Amino acid sequence: MSAVPVPEGRPASVSILLVEDDEVIRRSVALALERYGYQVATAGDGLTGLERFREGGHDVLLLDVMLPHLDGVGLCRRVRETSTTPVLMMSARGDALDVVSGLEAGADDYVVKPVDTAVLVARIRSLLRRATFAADAPPVEAARKDTVLVFGDLAVDTAGLEVSRGGEPVALAPTELRLLLEFAANPGIVLDRQTLLRTVWDYGWEGDTRVVDLCVQRLRKKIGADRIETVRGFGYKLRRT
């Protein structure tokens, strides 16, 4: 964890639950985040982390992949059964299997340990922007009809931030919603992975495109496997009809 100066601007009360079994890493990450003004609760194993998460009040969940009793992937899956709280995974090796497993379980993003503080905070801020974007949606009844975009059996209300398929509501995590809105704003247009990393994940640098690929896979399961087409060598596009 790199040393950083205390930033001038501090976030409004934001609670992060950090689940990490290595005590040294747990303390150093918690202290670094607290220097940025975040409130940090910690747990040393997956089951304790799940209990503390269920107690409520956490805005971001920061998980190590390798945890005793219940690993980070299993914990993420349990969380996703009932919550869309942003999840950021930490992998000690950046191993492809760890990364893919975490993203498939529903994580929004990941970082590789040892974690650079500036990168970690940037990722957390990005997750919070996406979550705030979804939470600040106006009520459905206030949305105008011309804000509802229809693609076959898929309807996307861009004002109310509601999604339905065949008339049935579709529950999307904030990152999945931002991704779908980006596609809906550009129907039939191929969007490459780096563009999606910038517009959806707010990456100001080159990132791991597996994050995009796995989120697209999760989105396809919810809105229809053939709704988002893969254009090999280029990216993805949303079918108009």
Protein backbone atom coordinates (compact mmCIF):
# COMPACT_ATOMS: atom_id res chain seq x y z
CA MET A 1 0.00 0.00 0.00
CA SER A 2 1.65 3.25 -1.09
CA ALA A 3 1.85 6.25 1.21
CA VAL A 4 -0.45 9.09 0.24
CA PRO A 5 -1.08 12.60 1.52
CA VAL A 6 -4.32 13.34 3.26
CA PRO A 7 -6.65 14.64 0.52
CA GLU A 8 -8.31 18.04 0.87
CA GLY A 9 -11.79 16.83 -0.09
CA ARG A 10 -13.37 14.13 1.98
CA PRO A 11 -16.33 12.03 0.84
CA ALA A 12 -19.69 12.30 2.49
CA SER A 13 -20.26 9.53 5.01
CA VAL A 14 -19.42 6.41 3.00
CA SER A 15 -19.06 3.04 4.68
CA ILE A 16 -16.80 0.35 3.25
CA LEU A 17 -16.78 -3.23 4.49
CA LEU A 18 -13.31 -4.70 4.00
CA VAL A 19 -13.05 -8.50 4.22
CA GLU A 20 -9.40 -9.59 4.28
CA ASP A 21 -7.80 -12.41 6.29
CA ASP A 22 -4.26 -11.01 6.32
CA GLU A 23 -4.16 -8.75 9.38
CA VAL A 24 -1.30 -6.57 8.09
CA ILE A 25 -3.01 -5.95 4.76
CA ARG A 26 -6.37 -5.45 6.45
CA ARG A 27 -4.97 -2.76 8.75
CA SER A 28 -2.96 -0.97 6.07
CA VAL A 29 -5.85 -0.85 3.58
CA ALA A 30 -8.28 0.29 6.28
CA LEU A 31 -5.94 3.06 7.44
CA ALA A 32 -5.34 4.23 3.88
CA LEU A 33 -9.07 4.43 3.15
CA GLU A 34 -9.74 6.19 6.44
CA ARG A 35 -7.18 8.84 5.43
CA TYR A 36 -9.45 9.53 2.49
CA GLY A 37 -12.39 10.02 4.85
CA TYR A 38 -14.12 6.68 4.38
CA GLN A 39 -15.63 4.78 7.29
CA VAL A 40 -14.16 1.28 7.25
CA ALA A 41 -15.52 -1.83 8.96
CA THR A 42 -13.46 -5.01 8.71
CA ALA A 43 -13.79 -8.78 8.91
CA GLY A 44 -11.13 -11.47 8.82
CA ASP A 45 -13.07 -14.30 7.16
CA GLY A 46 -15.92 -14.80 4.74
CA LEU A 47 -18.62 -15.90 7.18
CA THR A 48 -17.96 -12.98 9.53
CA GLY A 49 -17.95 -10.68 6.52
CA LEU A 50 -21.34 -12.00 5.42
CA GLU A 51 -22.78 -11.46 8.90
CA ARG A 52 -21.50 -7.89 9.04
CA PHE A 53 -22.75 -7.16 5.55
CA ARG A 54 -26.22 -8.38 6.49
CA GLU A 55 -26.22 -6.00 9.43
CA GLY A 56 -26.50 -3.31 6.76
CA GLY A 57 -25.21 0.21 6.28
CA HIS A 58 -22.32 -0.51 3.90
CA ASP A 59 -21.97 1.33 0.60
CA VAL A 60 -19.12 -0.72 -0.89
CA LEU A 61 -17.90 -4.25 -0.26
CA LEU A 62 -14.14 -4.80 -0.68
CA LEU A 63 -13.32 -8.53 -0.76
CA ASP A 64 -10.17 -10.59 -0.89
CA VAL A 65 -10.54 -13.66 -3.11
CA MET A 66 -8.85 -16.09 -0.74
CA LEU A 67 -10.72 -16.13 2.58
CA PRO A 68 -11.16 -18.81 5.26
CA HIS A 69 -14.56 -20.45 5.92
CA LEU A 70 -16.20 -18.78 2.91
CA ASP A 71 -14.03 -17.49 0.08
CA GLY A 72 -14.52 -14.13 -1.61
CA VAL A 73 -16.22 -15.62 -4.66
CA GLY A 74 -18.73 -17.51 -2.51
CA LEU A 75 -19.32 -14.42 -0.38
CA CYS A 76 -19.93 -12.31 -3.47
CA ARG A 77 -22.50 -14.82 -4.73
CA ARG A 78 -24.31 -14.76 -1.38
CA VAL A 79 -24.38 -10.97 -1.42
CA ARG A 80 -25.70 -10.86 -4.97
CA GLU A 81 -28.67 -13.02 -3.98
CA THR A 82 -30.20 -10.06 -2.18
CA SER A 83 -28.16 -6.93 -2.89
CA THR A 84 -26.76 -4.74 -5.69
CA THR A 85 -24.19 -3.11 -3.39
CA PRO A 86 -20.99 -2.42 -5.38
CA VAL A 87 -18.40 -5.17 -4.93
CA LEU A 88 -14.68 -4.73 -5.55
CA MET A 89 -12.56 -7.89 -5.46
CA MET A 90 -8.88 -8.07 -4.49
CA SER A 91 -6.67 -10.76 -6.00
CA ALA A 92 -3.21 -11.49 -4.62
CA ARG A 93 -1.90 -12.70 -7.96
CA GLY A 94 -4.13 -11.15 -10.56
CA ASP A 95 -4.61 -14.75 -11.61
CA ALA A 96 -7.01 -15.08 -14.53
CA LEU A 97 -9.08 -17.75 -12.78
CA ASP A 98 -9.46 -15.59 -9.65
CA VAL A 99 -10.48 -12.58 -11.70
CA VAL A 100 -12.96 -14.43 -13.89
CA SER A 101 -14.50 -16.28 -10.95
CA GLY A 102 -15.01 -13.06 -9.03
CA LEU A 103 -16.56 -11.20 -11.95
CA GLU A 104 -18.80 -14.14 -12.82
CA ALA A 105 -20.01 -14.18 -9.22
CA GLY A 106 -21.23 -10.61 -9.63
CA ALA A 107 -18.28 -8.40 -8.65
CA ASP A 108 -18.19 -5.02 -10.38
CA ASP A 109 -14.42 -4.67 -10.61
CA TYR A 110 -11.16 -5.96 -9.19
CA VAL A 111 -7.70 -4.80 -8.14
CA VAL A 112 -4.45 -6.73 -7.77
CA LYS A 113 -2.54 -6.80 -4.48
CA PRO A 114 -0.36 -5.13 -3.40
CA VAL A 115 -2.91 -2.37 -3.93
CA ASP A 116 -1.84 1.12 -4.92
CA THR A 117 -3.90 3.52 -2.81
CA ALA A 118 -4.61 5.95 -5.63
CA VAL A 119 -5.88 3.16 -7.88
CA LEU A 120 -8.00 1.64 -5.11
CA VAL A 121 -9.64 4.97 -4.26
CA ALA A 122 -10.25 5.72 -7.94
CA ARG A 123 -12.00 2.37 -8.37
CA ILE A 124 -14.11 2.93 -5.26
CA ARG A 125 -15.13 6.41 -6.43
CA SER A 126 -16.11 4.97 -9.79
CA LEU A 127 -18.27 2.32 -8.12
CA LEU A 128 -19.94 4.94 -5.95
CA ARG A 129 -20.69 7.17 -8.96
CA ARG A 130 -22.42 4.27 -10.70
CA ALA A 131 -24.40 3.36 -7.59
CA THR A 132 -25.40 6.98 -6.97
CA PHE A 133 -26.44 7.34 -10.60
CA ALA A 134 -28.89 4.45 -10.19
CA ALA A 135 -30.10 5.52 -6.74
CA ASP A 136 -30.89 9.07 -7.89
CA ALA A 137 -33.31 7.91 -10.59
CA PRO A 138 -36.67 9.72 -10.60
CA PRO A 139 -39.76 7.65 -9.73
CA VAL A 140 -41.18 5.64 -12.62
CA GLU A 141 -44.41 7.63 -12.72
CA ALA A 142 -42.42 10.82 -13.30
CA ALA A 143 -40.67 9.41 -16.38
CA ARG A 144 -41.95 10.54 -19.77
CA LYS A 145 -43.07 7.95 -22.27
CA ASP A 146 -40.55 9.12 -24.86
CA THR A 147 -37.71 8.12 -22.55
CA VAL A 148 -38.63 4.44 -22.88
CA LEU A 149 -36.53 2.72 -25.54
CA VAL A 150 -37.82 -0.58 -26.89
CA PHE A 151 -35.69 -3.29 -28.46
CA GLY A 152 -37.81 -6.33 -29.23
CA ASP A 153 -39.14 -7.59 -25.89
CA LEU A 154 -36.69 -5.38 -23.99
CA ALA A 155 -37.79 -1.97 -22.69
CA VAL A 156 -35.31 0.49 -21.16
CA ASP A 157 -36.66 3.54 -19.34
CA THR A 158 -33.71 5.93 -19.52
CA ALA A 159 -35.32 8.48 -17.17
CA GLY A 160 -36.78 6.16 -14.55
CA LEU A 161 -33.84 3.76 -14.95
CA GLU A 162 -36.18 0.79 -15.11
CA VAL A 163 -35.68 -2.25 -17.35
CA SER A 164 -38.25 -4.85 -18.30
CA ARG A 165 -38.28 -7.87 -20.54
CA GLY A 166 -41.56 -9.20 -21.87
CA GLY A 167 -43.32 -6.89 -19.43
CA GLU A 168 -41.49 -8.33 -16.42
CA PRO A 169 -39.06 -6.13 -14.45
CA VAL A 170 -35.38 -6.98 -14.71
CA ALA A 171 -33.18 -6.31 -11.67
CA LEU A 172 -29.75 -5.02 -12.67
CA ALA A 173 -26.75 -4.10 -10.56
CA PRO A 174 -25.56 -0.49 -11.05
CA THR A 175 -22.70 -1.48 -13.35
CA GLU A 176 -24.98 -3.69 -15.46
CA LEU A 177 -27.48 -0.84 -15.73
CA ARG A 178 -24.83 1.65 -16.82
CA LEU A 179 -23.60 -0.83 -19.42
CA LEU A 180 -27.10 -1.41 -20.79
CA LEU A 181 -27.78 2.34 -20.94
CA GLU A 182 -24.60 2.82 -22.94
CA PHE A 183 -25.73 0.18 -25.42
CA ALA A 184 -29.27 1.58 -25.52
CA ALA A 185 -27.92 5.04 -26.35
CA ASN A 186 -26.04 3.54 -29.30
CA PRO A 187 -28.28 0.79 -30.75
CA GLY A 188 -26.76 -1.06 -33.66
CA ILE A 189 -23.41 0.67 -33.14
CA VAL A 190 -20.36 -1.42 -32.27
CA LEU A 191 -18.76 -0.30 -29.00
CA ASP A 192 -15.23 -1.50 -28.37
CA ARG A 193 -14.12 -2.67 -24.96
CA GLN A 194 -11.79 0.25 -24.21
CA THR A 195 -14.59 2.70 -24.95
CA LEU A 196 -16.87 0.83 -22.56
CA LEU A 197 -14.17 0.83 -19.88
CA ARG A 198 -14.03 4.63 -20.16
CA THR A 199 -17.77 5.33 -20.33
CA VAL A 200 -19.10 2.69 -17.93
CA TRP A 201 -16.23 1.95 -15.54
CA ASP A 202 -14.79 5.50 -15.66
CA TYR A 203 -11.30 4.20 -16.39
CA GLY A 204 -8.95 7.01 -17.30
CA TRP A 205 -6.32 4.45 -18.27
CA GLU A 206 -6.04 1.16 -20.08
CA GLY A 207 -7.89 -1.51 -18.12
CA ASP A 208 -8.51 -5.23 -18.16
CA THR A 209 -11.18 -5.88 -20.81
CA ARG A 210 -12.22 -9.08 -19.04
CA VAL A 211 -14.24 -6.81 -16.76
CA VAL A 212 -16.31 -5.80 -19.79
CA ASP A 213 -16.63 -9.32 -21.17
CA LEU A 214 -17.86 -10.81 -17.90
CA CYS A 215 -20.33 -7.99 -17.27
CA VAL A 216 -21.71 -8.45 -20.79
CA GLN A 217 -22.16 -12.16 -20.04
CA ARG A 218 -24.09 -11.38 -16.85
CA LEU A 219 -26.22 -8.83 -18.68
CA ARG A 220 -27.04 -11.30 -21.45
CA LYS A 221 -28.38 -13.78 -18.89
CA LYS A 222 -30.86 -11.14 -17.71
CA ILE A 223 -31.97 -9.48 -20.96
CA GLY A 224 -31.56 -12.34 -23.44
CA ALA A 225 -28.45 -14.07 -24.76
CA ASP A 226 -28.91 -12.79 -28.32
CA ARG A 227 -29.76 -9.17 -27.43
CA ILE A 228 -26.11 -8.10 -27.31
CA GLU A 229 -24.09 -9.28 -30.31
CA THR A 230 -20.35 -9.92 -30.32
CA VAL A 231 -18.53 -8.41 -33.29
CA ARG A 232 -15.28 -10.35 -33.31
CA GLY A 233 -12.18 -8.23 -33.25
CA PHE A 234 -14.15 -5.06 -32.50
CA GLY A 235 -16.56 -5.23 -29.56
CA TYR A 236 -20.29 -5.49 -28.88
CA LYS A 237 -23.53 -3.97 -30.15
CA LEU A 238 -27.15 -3.97 -29.04
CA ARG A 239 -29.63 -5.40 -31.54
CA ARG A 240 -32.28 -2.87 -32.55
CA THR A 241 -35.06 -5.45 -32.92
